């Protein structure tokens, strides 16, 4: 199911896959998140680095990349490319995901996009 989601993201079909793979309550949340990300990074790409499953939960480590071409977190597009690692936990019931949690390198993403100053550039 996770690999199916990643494949869908990489061919810009994530909205359809979310409907298929997530229960409605979770799907609304995920679709909103993915739509915001897709509008900011039209060439968004995910790569599975590692997947581990235990019971009803899957943990995945992913490499996320894209070019900042649309507004992101209130910031105008920089045209810069970013690549960061993310970790997602997804819980399934009855063949569909019912919940998810994400940890991502937001600081690294913002630095790569030029949206944060480093200490040396402030001096």
PDB file of N, CA and C in Angstrom:
ATOM      1  N   UNK A   1       0.826  -1.199   0.000  1.00  0.00           N
ATOM      2  CA  UNK A   1       0.000   0.000   0.000  1.00  0.00           C
ATOM      3  C   UNK A   1       0.865   1.255   0.000  1.00  0.00           C
ATOM      4  N   UNK A   2       1.948   1.233   0.769  1.00  0.00           N
ATOM      5  CA  UNK A   2       2.830   2.401   0.820  1.00  0.00           C
ATOM      6  C   UNK A   2       3.515   2.591  -0.528  1.00  0.00           C
ATOM      7  N   UNK A   3       4.005   1.517  -1.102  1.00  0.00           N
ATOM      8  CA  UNK A   3       4.656   1.631  -2.413  1.00  0.00           C
ATOM      9  C   UNK A   3       3.670   2.128  -3.467  1.00  0.00           C
ATOM     10  N   UNK A   4       2.440   1.694  -3.405  1.00  0.00           N
ATOM     11  CA  UNK A   4       1.402   2.173  -4.335  1.00  0.00           C
ATOM     12  C   UNK A   4       1.228   3.682  -4.191  1.00  0.00           C
ATOM     13  N   UNK A   5       1.235   4.189  -2.955  1.00  0.00           N
ATOM     14  CA  UNK A   5       1.093   5.621  -2.715  1.00  0.00           C
ATOM     15  C   UNK A   5       2.273   6.382  -3.313  1.00  0.00           C
ATOM     16  N   UNK A   6       3.483   5.894  -3.095  1.00  0.00           N
ATOM     17  CA  UNK A   6       4.684   6.556  -3.629  1.00  0.00           C
ATOM     18  C   UNK A   6       4.657   6.559  -5.155  1.00  0.00           C
ATOM     19  N   UNK A   7       4.281   5.439  -5.757  1.00  0.00           N
ATOM     20  CA  UNK A   7       4.174   5.379  -7.218  1.00  0.00           C
ATOM     21  C   UNK A   7       3.184   6.414  -7.731  1.00  0.00           C
ATOM     22  N   UNK A   8       2.061   6.572  -7.045  1.00  0.00           N
ATOM     23  CA  UNK A   8       1.045   7.546  -7.451  1.00  0.00           C
ATOM     24  C   UNK A   8       1.571   8.976  -7.341  1.00  0.00           C
ATOM     25  N   UNK A   9       2.299   9.276  -6.276  1.00  0.00           N
ATOM     26  CA  UNK A   9       2.884  10.613  -6.115  1.00  0.00           C
ATOM     27  C   UNK A   9       3.809  10.911  -7.287  1.00  0.00           C
ATOM     28  N   UNK A  10       4.606   9.947  -7.675  1.00  0.00           N
ATOM     29  CA  UNK A  10       5.615  10.170  -8.706  1.00  0.00           C
ATOM     30  C   UNK A  10       5.044  10.309 -10.110  1.00  0.00           C
ATOM     31  N   UNK A  11       3.764  10.007 -10.296  1.00  0.00           N
ATOM     32  CA  UNK A  11       3.112  10.235 -11.594  1.00  0.00           C
ATOM     33  C   UNK A  11       1.933  11.202 -11.449  1.00  0.00           C
ATOM     34  N   UNK A  12       1.945  11.994 -10.382  1.00  0.00           N
ATOM     35  CA  UNK A  12       0.940  13.043 -10.124  1.00  0.00           C
ATOM     36  C   UNK A  12      -0.480  12.495 -10.017  1.00  0.00           C
ATOM     37  N   UNK A  13      -0.631  11.289  -9.468  1.00  0.00           N
ATOM     38  CA  UNK A  13      -1.954  10.690  -9.291  1.00  0.00           C
ATOM     39  C   UNK A  13      -2.250  10.420  -7.822  1.00  0.00           C
ATOM     40  N   UNK A  14      -1.659  11.246  -6.934  1.00  0.00           N
ATOM     41  CA  UNK A  14      -1.807  10.995  -5.506  1.00  0.00           C
ATOM     42  C   UNK A  14      -3.241  11.158  -5.009  1.00  0.00           C
ATOM     43  N   UNK A  15      -4.020  12.076  -5.584  1.00  0.00           N
ATOM     44  CA  UNK A  15      -5.396  12.283  -5.109  1.00  0.00           C
ATOM     45  C   UNK A  15      -6.227  11.011  -5.284  1.00  0.00           C
ATOM     46  N   UNK A  16      -6.089  10.363  -6.432  1.00  0.00           N
ATOM     47  CA  UNK A  16      -6.830   9.125  -6.691  1.00  0.00           C
ATOM     48  C   UNK A  16      -6.376   8.009  -5.752  1.00  0.00           C
ATOM     49  N   UNK A  17      -5.078   7.908  -5.534  1.00  0.00           N
ATOM     50  CA  UNK A  17      -4.542   6.860  -4.659  1.00  0.00           C
ATOM     51  C   UNK A  17      -4.970   7.070  -3.215  1.00  0.00           C
ATOM     52  N   UNK A  18      -5.038   8.318  -2.780  1.00  0.00           N
ATOM     53  CA  UNK A  18      -5.476   8.607  -1.406  1.00  0.00           C
ATOM     54  C   UNK A  18      -6.900   8.105  -1.207  1.00  0.00           C
ATOM     55  N   UNK A  19      -7.779   8.344  -2.169  1.00  0.00           N
ATOM     56  CA  UNK A  19      -9.169   7.863  -2.079  1.00  0.00           C
ATOM     57  C   UNK A  19      -9.219   6.346  -1.954  1.00  0.00           C
ATOM     58  N   UNK A  20      -8.337   5.680  -2.659  1.00  0.00           N
ATOM     59  CA  UNK A  20      -8.291   4.216  -2.669  1.00  0.00           C
ATOM     60  C   UNK A  20      -7.690   3.647  -1.384  1.00  0.00           C
ATOM     61  N   UNK A  21      -6.652   4.296  -0.851  1.00  0.00           N
ATOM     62  CA  UNK A  21      -5.847   3.710   0.217  1.00  0.00           C
ATOM     63  C   UNK A  21      -6.171   4.190   1.627  1.00  0.00           C
ATOM     64  N   UNK A  22      -6.876   5.310   1.772  1.00  0.00           N
ATOM     65  CA  UNK A  22      -7.169   5.878   3.089  1.00  0.00           C
ATOM     66  C   UNK A  22      -8.670   5.890   3.347  1.00  0.00           C
ATOM     67  N   UNK A  23      -9.052   5.717   4.611  1.00  0.00           N
ATOM     68  CA  UNK A  23     -10.463   5.883   4.983  1.00  0.00           C
ATOM     69  C   UNK A  23     -10.807   7.362   4.796  1.00  0.00           C
ATOM     70  N   UNK A  24     -12.092   7.705   4.606  1.00  0.00           N
ATOM     71  CA  UNK A  24     -12.470   9.091   4.293  1.00  0.00           C
ATOM     72  C   UNK A  24     -11.929  10.152   5.256  1.00  0.00           C
ATOM     73  N   UNK A  25     -11.995   9.906   6.550  1.00  0.00           N
ATOM     74  CA  UNK A  25     -11.523  10.915   7.515  1.00  0.00           C
ATOM     75  C   UNK A  25     -10.050  11.226   7.300  1.00  0.00           C
ATOM     76  N   UNK A  26      -9.232  10.196   7.170  1.00  0.00           N
ATOM     77  CA  UNK A  26      -7.793  10.379   6.948  1.00  0.00           C
ATOM     78  C   UNK A  26      -7.524  10.911   5.543  1.00  0.00           C
ATOM     79  N   UNK A  27      -8.316  10.473   4.570  1.00  0.00           N
ATOM     80  CA  UNK A  27      -8.121  10.904   3.182  1.00  0.00           C
ATOM     81  C   UNK A  27      -8.264  12.413   3.044  1.00  0.00           C
ATOM     82  N   UNK A  28      -9.215  13.011   3.736  1.00  0.00           N
ATOM     83  CA  UNK A  28      -9.397  14.475   3.655  1.00  0.00           C
ATOM     84  C   UNK A  28      -8.134  15.198   4.102  1.00  0.00           C
ATOM     85  N   UNK A  29      -7.580  14.751   5.206  1.00  0.00           N
ATOM     86  CA  UNK A  29      -6.359  15.360   5.748  1.00  0.00           C
ATOM     87  C   UNK A  29      -5.177  15.192   4.789  1.00  0.00           C
ATOM     88  N   UNK A  30      -5.002  13.978   4.299  1.00  0.00           N
ATOM     89  CA  UNK A  30      -3.873  13.672   3.427  1.00  0.00           C
ATOM     90  C   UNK A  30      -4.006  14.416   2.096  1.00  0.00           C
ATOM     91  N   UNK A  31      -5.202  14.450   1.524  1.00  0.00           N
ATOM     92  CA  UNK A  31      -5.397  15.146   0.253  1.00  0.00           C
ATOM     93  C   UNK A  31      -5.094  16.634   0.378  1.00  0.00           C
ATOM     94  N   UNK A  32      -5.496  17.244   1.466  1.00  0.00           N
ATOM     95  CA  UNK A  32      -5.215  18.670   1.687  1.00  0.00           C
ATOM     96  C   UNK A  32      -3.702  18.898   1.782  1.00  0.00           C
ATOM     97  N   UNK A  33      -3.033  18.070   2.560  1.00  0.00           N
ATOM     98  CA  UNK A  33      -1.582  18.167   2.718  1.00  0.00           C
ATOM     99  C   UNK A  33      -0.869  17.974   1.375  1.00  0.00           C
ATOM    100  N   UNK A  34      -1.254  16.930   0.645  1.00  0.00           N
ATOM    101  CA  UNK A  34      -0.614  16.635  -0.634  1.00  0.00           C
ATOM    102  C   UNK A  34      -0.883  17.739  -1.657  1.00  0.00           C
ATOM    103  N   UNK A  35      -2.099  18.291  -1.684  1.00  0.00           N
ATOM    104  CA  UNK A  35      -2.429  19.358  -2.640  1.00  0.00           C
ATOM    105  C   UNK A  35      -1.578  20.596  -2.386  1.00  0.00           C
ATOM    106  N   UNK A  36      -1.396  20.950  -1.117  1.00  0.00           N
ATOM    107  CA  UNK A  36      -0.556  22.102  -0.777  1.00  0.00           C
ATOM    108  C   UNK A  36       0.883  21.859  -1.219  1.00  0.00           C
ATOM    109  N   UNK A  37       1.368  20.657  -0.989  1.00  0.00           N
ATOM    110  CA  UNK A  37       2.749  20.342  -1.346  1.00  0.00           C
ATOM    111  C   UNK A  37       2.917  20.302  -2.863  1.00  0.00           C
ATOM    112  N   UNK A  38       1.966  19.694  -3.565  1.00  0.00           N
ATOM    113  CA  UNK A  38       2.045  19.590  -5.031  1.00  0.00           C
ATOM    114  C   UNK A  38       2.013  20.978  -5.675  1.00  0.00           C
ATOM    115  N   UNK A  39       1.210  21.903  -5.138  1.00  0.00           N
ATOM    116  CA  UNK A  39       1.146  23.242  -5.735  1.00  0.00           C
ATOM    117  C   UNK A  39       2.455  24.000  -5.532  1.00  0.00           C
ATOM    118  N   UNK A  40       3.164  23.728  -4.457  1.00  0.00           N
ATOM    119  CA  UNK A  40       4.448  24.390  -4.199  1.00  0.00           C
ATOM    120  C   UNK A  40       5.599  23.709  -4.939  1.00  0.00           C
ATOM    121  N   UNK A  41       5.498  22.398  -5.098  1.00  0.00           N
ATOM    122  CA  UNK A  41       6.567  21.607  -5.721  1.00  0.00           C
ATOM    123  C   UNK A  41       5.957  20.734  -6.824  1.00  0.00           C
ATOM    124  N   UNK A  42       5.692  21.296  -8.005  1.00  0.00           N
ATOM    125  CA  UNK A  42       5.004  20.538  -9.053  1.00  0.00           C
ATOM    126  C   UNK A  42       5.751  19.282  -9.507  1.00  0.00           C
ATOM    127  N   UNK A  43       7.075  19.259  -9.327  1.00  0.00           N
ATOM    128  CA  UNK A  43       7.859  18.085  -9.721  1.00  0.00           C
ATOM    129  C   UNK A  43       8.187  17.195  -8.515  1.00  0.00           C
ATOM    130  N   UNK A  44       7.367  17.289  -7.481  1.00  0.00           N
ATOM    131  CA  UNK A  44       7.533  16.514  -6.250  1.00  0.00           C
ATOM    132  C   UNK A  44       7.777  15.044  -6.567  1.00  0.00           C
ATOM    133  N   UNK A  45       8.782  14.483  -5.915  1.00  0.00           N
ATOM    134  CA  UNK A  45       9.141  13.077  -6.118  1.00  0.00           C
ATOM    135  C   UNK A  45       9.463  12.455  -4.761  1.00  0.00           C
ATOM    136  N   UNK A  46       9.019  11.232  -4.553  1.00  0.00           N
ATOM    137  CA  UNK A  46       9.313  10.483  -3.327  1.00  0.00           C
ATOM    138  C   UNK A  46      10.038   9.196  -3.704  1.00  0.00           C
ATOM    139  N   UNK A  47      10.994   8.825  -2.887  1.00  0.00           N
ATOM    140  CA  UNK A  47      11.714   7.564  -3.062  1.00  0.00           C
ATOM    141  C   UNK A  47      11.673   6.804  -1.741  1.00  0.00           C
ATOM    142  N   UNK A  48      11.286   5.542  -1.804  1.00  0.00           N
ATOM    143  CA  UNK A  48      11.288   4.708  -0.605  1.00  0.00           C
ATOM    144  C   UNK A  48      12.729   4.339  -0.280  1.00  0.00           C
ATOM    145  N   UNK A  49      13.160   4.659   0.932  1.00  0.00           N
ATOM    146  CA  UNK A  49      14.492   4.287   1.399  1.00  0.00           C
ATOM    147  C   UNK A  49      14.395   2.999   2.210  1.00  0.00           C
ATOM    148  N   UNK A  50      13.366   2.922   3.072  1.00  0.00           N
ATOM    149  CA  UNK A  50      13.202   1.742   3.928  1.00  0.00           C
ATOM    150  C   UNK A  50      11.756   1.664   4.401  1.00  0.00           C
ATOM    151  N   UNK A  51      11.224   0.454   4.461  1.00  0.00           N
ATOM    152  CA  UNK A  51       9.897   0.202   5.023  1.00  0.00           C
ATOM    153  C   UNK A  51      10.009  -0.905   6.057  1.00  0.00           C
ATOM    154  N   UNK A  52       9.329  -0.720   7.189  1.00  0.00           N
ATOM    155  CA  UNK A  52       9.293  -1.719   8.250  1.00  0.00           C
ATOM    156  C   UNK A  52       7.846  -1.817   8.721  1.00  0.00           C
ATOM    157  N   UNK A  53       7.331  -3.031   8.825  1.00  0.00           N
ATOM    158  CA  UNK A  53       5.954  -3.222   9.270  1.00  0.00           C
ATOM    159  C   UNK A  53       5.928  -4.058  10.538  1.00  0.00           C
ATOM    160  N   UNK A  54       5.037  -3.672  11.445  1.00  0.00           N
ATOM    161  CA  UNK A  54       4.800  -4.448  12.659  1.00  0.00           C
ATOM    162  C   UNK A  54       3.328  -4.302  13.013  1.00  0.00           C
ATOM    163  N   UNK A  55       2.646  -5.426  13.097  1.00  0.00           N
ATOM    164  CA  UNK A  55       1.220  -5.379  13.403  1.00  0.00           C
ATOM    165  C   UNK A  55       0.477  -4.594  12.332  1.00  0.00           C
ATOM    166  N   UNK A  56      -0.290  -3.594  12.754  1.00  0.00           N
ATOM    167  CA  UNK A  56      -1.087  -2.801  11.814  1.00  0.00           C
ATOM    168  C   UNK A  56      -0.404  -1.504  11.388  1.00  0.00           C
ATOM    169  N   UNK A  57       0.891  -1.363  11.712  1.00  0.00           N
ATOM    170  CA  UNK A  57       1.603  -0.115  11.436  1.00  0.00           C
ATOM    171  C   UNK A  57       2.795  -0.338  10.512  1.00  0.00           C
ATOM    172  N   UNK A  58       2.960   0.591   9.576  1.00  0.00           N
ATOM    173  CA  UNK A  58       4.109   0.594   8.675  1.00  0.00           C
ATOM    174  C   UNK A  58       4.897   1.865   8.943  1.00  0.00           C
ATOM    175  N   UNK A  59       6.203   1.715   9.112  1.00  0.00           N
ATOM    176  CA  UNK A  59       7.097   2.865   9.232  1.00  0.00           C
ATOM    177  C   UNK A  59       7.911   2.932   7.952  1.00  0.00           C
ATOM    178  N   UNK A  60       8.013   4.114   7.410  1.00  0.00           N
ATOM    179  CA  UNK A  60       8.768   4.273   6.179  1.00  0.00           C
ATOM    180  C   UNK A  60       9.705   5.455   6.242  1.00  0.00           C
ATOM    181  N   UNK A  61      10.874   5.259   5.665  1.00  0.00           N
ATOM    182  CA  UNK A  61      11.831   6.346   5.502  1.00  0.00           C
ATOM    183  C   UNK A  61      11.867   6.664   4.012  1.00  0.00           C
ATOM    184  N   UNK A  62      11.724   7.947   3.699  1.00  0.00           N
ATOM    185  CA  UNK A  62      11.605   8.369   2.307  1.00  0.00           C
ATOM    186  C   UNK A  62      12.564   9.511   2.007  1.00  0.00           C
ATOM    187  N   UNK A  63      12.938   9.631   0.748  1.00  0.00           N
ATOM    188  CA  UNK A  63      13.699  10.779   0.272  1.00  0.00           C
ATOM    189  C   UNK A  63      12.744  11.587  -0.601  1.00  0.00           C
ATOM    190  N   UNK A  64      12.531  12.825  -0.223  1.00  0.00           N
ATOM    191  CA  UNK A  64      11.586  13.718  -0.892  1.00  0.00           C
ATOM    192  C   UNK A  64      12.370  14.806  -1.619  1.00  0.00           C
ATOM    193  N   UNK A  65      11.999  15.087  -2.872  1.00  0.00           N
ATOM    194  CA  UNK A  65      12.675  16.149  -3.610  1.00  0.00           C
ATOM    195  C   UNK A  65      11.663  16.920  -4.444  1.00  0.00           C
ATOM    196  N   UNK A  66      12.049  18.124  -4.827  1.00  0.00           N
ATOM    197  CA  UNK A  66      11.198  18.946  -5.670  1.00  0.00           C
ATOM    198  C   UNK A  66      11.768  20.346  -5.818  1.00  0.00           C
ATOM    199  N   UNK A  67      11.213  21.074  -6.785  1.00  0.00           N
ATOM    200  CA  UNK A  67      11.632  22.444  -7.058  1.00  0.00           C
ATOM    201  C   UNK A  67      10.537  23.391  -6.603  1.00  0.00           C
ATOM    202  N   UNK A  68      10.913  24.397  -5.847  1.00  0.00           N
ATOM    203  CA  UNK A  68       9.968  25.349  -5.254  1.00  0.00           C
ATOM    204  C   UNK A  68       9.446  26.303  -6.332  1.00  0.00           C
ATOM    205  N   UNK A  69       8.267  25.992  -6.880  1.00  0.00           N
ATOM    206  CA  UNK A  69       7.678  26.767  -7.976  1.00  0.00           C
ATOM    207  C   UNK A  69       6.372  27.472  -7.592  1.00  0.00           C
ATOM    208  N   UNK A  70       5.832  27.162  -6.415  1.00  0.00           N
ATOM    209  CA  UNK A  70       4.595  27.795  -5.960  1.00  0.00           C
ATOM    210  C   UNK A  70       4.731  28.200  -4.508  1.00  0.00           C
ATOM    211  N   UNK A  71       3.769  28.970  -4.013  1.00  0.00           N
ATOM    212  CA  UNK A  71       3.825  29.433  -2.622  1.00  0.00           C
ATOM    213  C   UNK A  71       3.910  28.247  -1.667  1.00  0.00           C
ATOM    214  N   UNK A  72       4.784  28.379  -0.669  1.00  0.00           N
ATOM    215  CA  UNK A  72       4.967  27.321   0.330  1.00  0.00           C
ATOM    216  C   UNK A  72       5.106  27.977   1.690  1.00  0.00           C
ATOM    217  N   UNK A  73       4.200  27.642   2.598  1.00  0.00           N
ATOM    218  CA  UNK A  73       4.201  28.204   3.951  1.00  0.00           C
ATOM    219  C   UNK A  73       4.235  29.733   3.915  1.00  0.00           C
ATOM    220  N   UNK A  74       3.505  30.304   2.963  1.00  0.00           N
ATOM    221  CA  UNK A  74       3.425  31.756   2.843  1.00  0.00           C
ATOM    222  C   UNK A  74       4.606  32.396   2.142  1.00  0.00           C
ATOM    223  N   UNK A  75       5.545  31.597   1.678  1.00  0.00           N
ATOM    224  CA  UNK A  75       6.747  32.118   1.014  1.00  0.00           C
ATOM    225  C   UNK A  75       6.603  32.018  -0.502  1.00  0.00           C
ATOM    226  N   UNK A  76       7.017  33.066  -1.195  1.00  0.00           N
ATOM    227  CA  UNK A  76       6.962  33.061  -2.653  1.00  0.00           C
ATOM    228  C   UNK A  76       7.988  32.067  -3.204  1.00  0.00           C
ATOM    229  N   UNK A  77       7.755  31.561  -4.410  1.00  0.00           N
ATOM    230  CA  UNK A  77       8.650  30.564  -4.992  1.00  0.00           C
ATOM    231  C   UNK A  77      10.081  31.078  -5.137  1.00  0.00           C
ATOM    232  N   UNK A  78      11.023  30.215  -4.822  1.00  0.00           N
ATOM    233  CA  UNK A  78      12.444  30.558  -4.949  1.00  0.00           C
ATOM    234  C   UNK A  78      13.062  29.951  -6.204  1.00  0.00           C
ATOM    235  N   UNK A  79      12.402  28.942  -6.772  1.00  0.00           N
ATOM    236  CA  UNK A  79      12.971  28.246  -7.919  1.00  0.00           C
ATOM    237  C   UNK A  79      14.076  27.281  -7.534  1.00  0.00           C
ATOM    238  N   UNK A  80      14.327  27.159  -6.237  1.00  0.00           N
ATOM    239  CA  UNK A  80      15.407  26.280  -5.768  1.00  0.00           C
ATOM    240  C   UNK A  80      14.904  24.856  -5.565  1.00  0.00           C
ATOM    241  N   UNK A  81      15.811  23.929  -5.735  1.00  0.00           N
ATOM    242  CA  UNK A  81      15.505  22.509  -5.558  1.00  0.00           C
ATOM    243  C   UNK A  81      15.867  22.090  -4.142  1.00  0.00           C
ATOM    244  N   UNK A  82      15.066  21.193  -3.580  1.00  0.00           N
ATOM    245  CA  UNK A  82      15.356  20.662  -2.247  1.00  0.00           C
ATOM    246  C   UNK A  82      15.273  19.148  -2.292  1.00  0.00           C
ATOM    247  N   UNK A  83      16.007  18.529  -1.366  1.00  0.00           N
ATOM    248  CA  UNK A  83      15.938  17.078  -1.168  1.00  0.00           C
ATOM    249  C   UNK A  83      16.140  16.817   0.315  1.00  0.00           C
ATOM    250  N   UNK A  84      15.140  16.218   0.945  1.00  0.00           N
ATOM    251  CA  UNK A  84      15.207  15.940   2.379  1.00  0.00           C
ATOM    252  C   UNK A  84      14.692  14.534   2.654  1.00  0.00           C
ATOM    253  N   UNK A  85      15.005  14.046   3.844  1.00  0.00           N
ATOM    254  CA  UNK A  85      14.474  12.752   4.271  1.00  0.00           C
ATOM    255  C   UNK A  85      13.267  12.969   5.168  1.00  0.00           C
ATOM    256  N   UNK A  86      12.342  12.039   5.088  1.00  0.00           N
ATOM    257  CA  UNK A  86      11.120  12.068   5.892  1.00  0.00           C
ATOM    258  C   UNK A  86      10.898  10.684   6.479  1.00  0.00           C
ATOM    259  N   UNK A  87      10.170  10.646   7.581  1.00  0.00           N
ATOM    260  CA  UNK A  87       9.755   9.383   8.179  1.00  0.00           C
ATOM    261  C   UNK A  87       8.248   9.457   8.388  1.00  0.00           C
ATOM    262  N   UNK A  88       7.534   8.457   7.905  1.00  0.00           N
ATOM    263  CA  UNK A  88       6.085   8.388   8.075  1.00  0.00           C
ATOM    264  C   UNK A  88       5.725   7.093   8.785  1.00  0.00           C
ATOM    265  N   UNK A  89       4.714   7.175   9.613  1.00  0.00           N
ATOM    266  CA  UNK A  89       4.114   6.004  10.241  1.00  0.00           C
ATOM    267  C   UNK A  89       2.669   5.976   9.785  1.00  0.00           C
ATOM    268  N   UNK A  90       2.225   4.846   9.274  1.00  0.00           N
ATOM    269  CA  UNK A  90       0.855   4.703   8.792  1.00  0.00           C
ATOM    270  C   UNK A  90       0.223   3.494   9.463  1.00  0.00           C
ATOM    271  N   UNK A  91      -1.002   3.680   9.954  1.00  0.00           N
ATOM    272  CA  UNK A  91      -1.722   2.582  10.613  1.00  0.00           C
ATOM    273  C   UNK A  91      -2.889   2.167   9.734  1.00  0.00           C
ATOM    274  N   UNK A  92      -3.032   0.862   9.530  1.00  0.00           N
ATOM    275  CA  UNK A  92      -4.070   0.333   8.648  1.00  0.00           C
ATOM    276  C   UNK A  92      -5.088  -0.490   9.425  1.00  0.00           C
ATOM    277  N   UNK A  93      -6.310  -0.446   8.939  1.00  0.00           N
ATOM    278  CA  UNK A  93      -7.406  -1.311   9.421  1.00  0.00           C
ATOM    279  C   UNK A  93      -8.243  -1.683   8.212  1.00  0.00           C
ATOM    280  N   UNK A  94      -8.558  -2.946   8.082  1.00  0.00           N
ATOM    281  CA  UNK A  94      -9.435  -3.387   7.001  1.00  0.00           C
ATOM    282  C   UNK A  94      -8.913  -3.067   5.612  1.00  0.00           C
ATOM    283  N   UNK A  95      -7.603  -3.078   5.440  1.00  0.00           N
ATOM    284  CA  UNK A  95      -7.034  -2.859   4.115  1.00  0.00           C
ATOM    285  C   UNK A  95      -6.877  -1.413   3.696  1.00  0.00           C
ATOM    286  N   UNK A  96      -7.123  -0.469   4.626  1.00  0.00           N
ATOM    287  CA  UNK A  96      -6.956   0.955   4.304  1.00  0.00           C
ATOM    288  C   UNK A  96      -6.259   1.654   5.461  1.00  0.00           C
ATOM    289  N   UNK A  97      -5.538   2.712   5.138  1.00  0.00           N
ATOM    290  CA  UNK A  97      -4.883   3.496   6.177  1.00  0.00           C
ATOM    291  C   UNK A  97      -5.916   4.330   6.923  1.00  0.00           C
ATOM    292  N   UNK A  98      -5.816   4.310   8.248  1.00  0.00           N
ATOM    293  CA  UNK A  98      -6.753   5.072   9.078  1.00  0.00           C
ATOM    294  C   UNK A  98      -6.084   6.266   9.750  1.00  0.00           C
ATOM    295  N   UNK A  99      -4.756   6.264   9.801  1.00  0.00           N
ATOM    296  CA  UNK A  99      -4.052   7.376  10.438  1.00  0.00           C
ATOM    297  C   UNK A  99      -2.610   7.405   9.969  1.00  0.00           C
ATOM    298  N   UNK A 100      -1.976   8.566  10.112  1.00  0.00           N
ATOM    299  CA  UNK A 100      -0.564   8.685   9.759  1.00  0.00           C
ATOM    300  C   UNK A 100       0.088   9.772  10.598  1.00  0.00           C
ATOM    301  N   UNK A 101       1.392   9.631  10.779  1.00  0.00           N
ATOM    302  CA  UNK A 101       2.211  10.620  11.489  1.00  0.00           C
ATOM    303  C   UNK A 101       3.445  10.831  10.641  1.00  0.00           C
ATOM    304  N   UNK A 102       3.953  12.042  10.622  1.00  0.00           N
ATOM    305  CA  UNK A 102       5.128  12.345   9.804  1.00  0.00           C
ATOM    306  C   UNK A 102       6.168  13.122  10.591  1.00  0.00           C
ATOM    307  N   UNK A 103       7.410  12.803  10.332  1.00  0.00           N
ATOM    308  CA  UNK A 103       8.553  13.556  10.838  1.00  0.00           C
ATOM    309  C   UNK A 103       9.376  13.912   9.615  1.00  0.00           C
ATOM    310  N   UNK A 104       9.662  15.197   9.457  1.00  0.00           N
ATOM    311  CA  UNK A 104      10.425  15.584   8.277  1.00  0.00           C
ATOM    312  C   UNK A 104      11.466  16.631   8.635  1.00  0.00           C
ATOM    313  N   UNK A 105      12.451  16.746   7.784  1.00  0.00           N
ATOM    314  CA  UNK A 105      13.537  17.701   7.991  1.00  0.00           C
ATOM    315  C   UNK A 105      13.111  19.068   7.459  1.00  0.00           C
ATOM    316  N   UNK A 106      12.205  19.706   8.169  1.00  0.00           N
ATOM    317  CA  UNK A 106      11.700  21.017   7.743  1.00  0.00           C
ATOM    318  C   UNK A 106      12.800  22.065   7.733  1.00  0.00           C
ATOM    319  N   UNK A 107      13.689  22.013   8.709  1.00  0.00           N
ATOM    320  CA  UNK A 107      14.789  22.977   8.778  1.00  0.00           C
ATOM    321  C   UNK A 107      15.699  22.833   7.554  1.00  0.00           C
ATOM    322  N   UNK A 108      16.055  21.600   7.221  1.00  0.00           N
ATOM    323  CA  UNK A 108      16.878  21.360   6.038  1.00  0.00           C
ATOM    324  C   UNK A 108      16.189  21.830   4.770  1.00  0.00           C
ATOM    325  N   UNK A 109      14.891  21.577   4.659  1.00  0.00           N
ATOM    326  CA  UNK A 109      14.123  22.008   3.487  1.00  0.00           C
ATOM    327  C   UNK A 109      14.159  23.535   3.367  1.00  0.00           C
ATOM    328  N   UNK A 110      13.883  24.223   4.473  1.00  0.00           N
ATOM    329  CA  UNK A 110      13.853  25.689   4.445  1.00  0.00           C
ATOM    330  C   UNK A 110      15.232  26.261   4.117  1.00  0.00           C
ATOM    331  N   UNK A 111      16.278  25.663   4.633  1.00  0.00           N
ATOM    332  CA  UNK A 111      17.643  26.130   4.320  1.00  0.00           C
ATOM    333  C   UNK A 111      17.945  25.947   2.831  1.00  0.00           C
ATOM    334  N   UNK A 112      17.612  24.776   2.301  1.00  0.00           N
ATOM    335  CA  UNK A 112      17.885  24.516   0.887  1.00  0.00           C
ATOM    336  C   UNK A 112      17.122  25.468  -0.025  1.00  0.00           C
ATOM    337  N   UNK A 113      15.940  25.881   0.409  1.00  0.00           N
ATOM    338  CA  UNK A 113      15.133  26.801  -0.394  1.00  0.00           C
ATOM    339  C   UNK A 113      15.560  28.254  -0.207  1.00  0.00           C
ATOM    340  N   UNK A 114      16.515  28.483   0.692  1.00  0.00           N
ATOM    341  CA  UNK A 114      16.989  29.843   0.937  1.00  0.00           C
ATOM    342  C   UNK A 114      16.033  30.660   1.780  1.00  0.00           C
ATOM    343  N   UNK A 115      15.193  29.983   2.549  1.00  0.00           N
ATOM    344  CA  UNK A 115      14.188  30.672   3.352  1.00  0.00           C
ATOM    345  C   UNK A 115      14.628  30.874   4.795  1.00  0.00           C
ATOM    346  N   UNK A 116      15.810  30.382   5.139  1.00  0.00           N
ATOM    347  CA  UNK A 116      16.397  30.593   6.464  1.00  0.00           C
ATOM    348  C   UNK A 116      17.830  31.053   6.286  1.00  0.00           C
ATOM    349  N   UNK A 117      18.215  31.987   7.084  1.00  0.00           N
ATOM    350  CA  UNK A 117      19.602  32.432   7.047  1.00  0.00           C
ATOM    351  C   UNK A 117      20.434  31.557   7.970  1.00  0.00           C
ATOM    352  N   UNK A 118      21.640  31.259   7.550  1.00  0.00           N
ATOM    353  CA  UNK A 118      22.564  30.565   8.440  1.00  0.00           C
ATOM    354  C   UNK A 118      23.204  31.595   9.355  1.00  0.00           C
ATOM    355  N   UNK A 119      23.824  31.162  10.427  1.00  0.00           N
ATOM    356  CA  UNK A 119      24.483  32.098  11.354  1.00  0.00           C
ATOM    357  C   UNK A 119      25.543  32.922  10.642  1.00  0.00           C
ATOM    358  N   UNK A 120      26.318  32.278   9.790  1.00  0.00           N
ATOM    359  CA  UNK A 120      27.407  32.991   9.121  1.00  0.00           C
ATOM    360  C   UNK A 120      26.890  34.082   8.189  1.00  0.00           C
ATOM    361  N   UNK A 121      25.704  33.899   7.594  1.00  0.00           N
ATOM    362  CA  UNK A 121      25.174  34.925   6.686  1.00  0.00           C
ATOM    363  C   UNK A 121      24.547  36.092   7.436  1.00  0.00           C
ATOM    364  N   UNK A 122      24.289  35.935   8.734  1.00  0.00           N
ATOM    365  CA  UNK A 122      23.703  37.020   9.528  1.00  0.00           C
ATOM    366  C   UNK A 122      24.764  37.958  10.081  1.00  0.00           C
ATOM    367  N   UNK A 123      26.012  37.554  10.054  1.00  0.00           N
ATOM    368  CA  UNK A 123      27.077  38.366  10.659  1.00  0.00           C
ATOM    369  C   UNK A 123      27.667  39.340   9.679  1.00  0.00           C
TER     370      UNK A 123
END
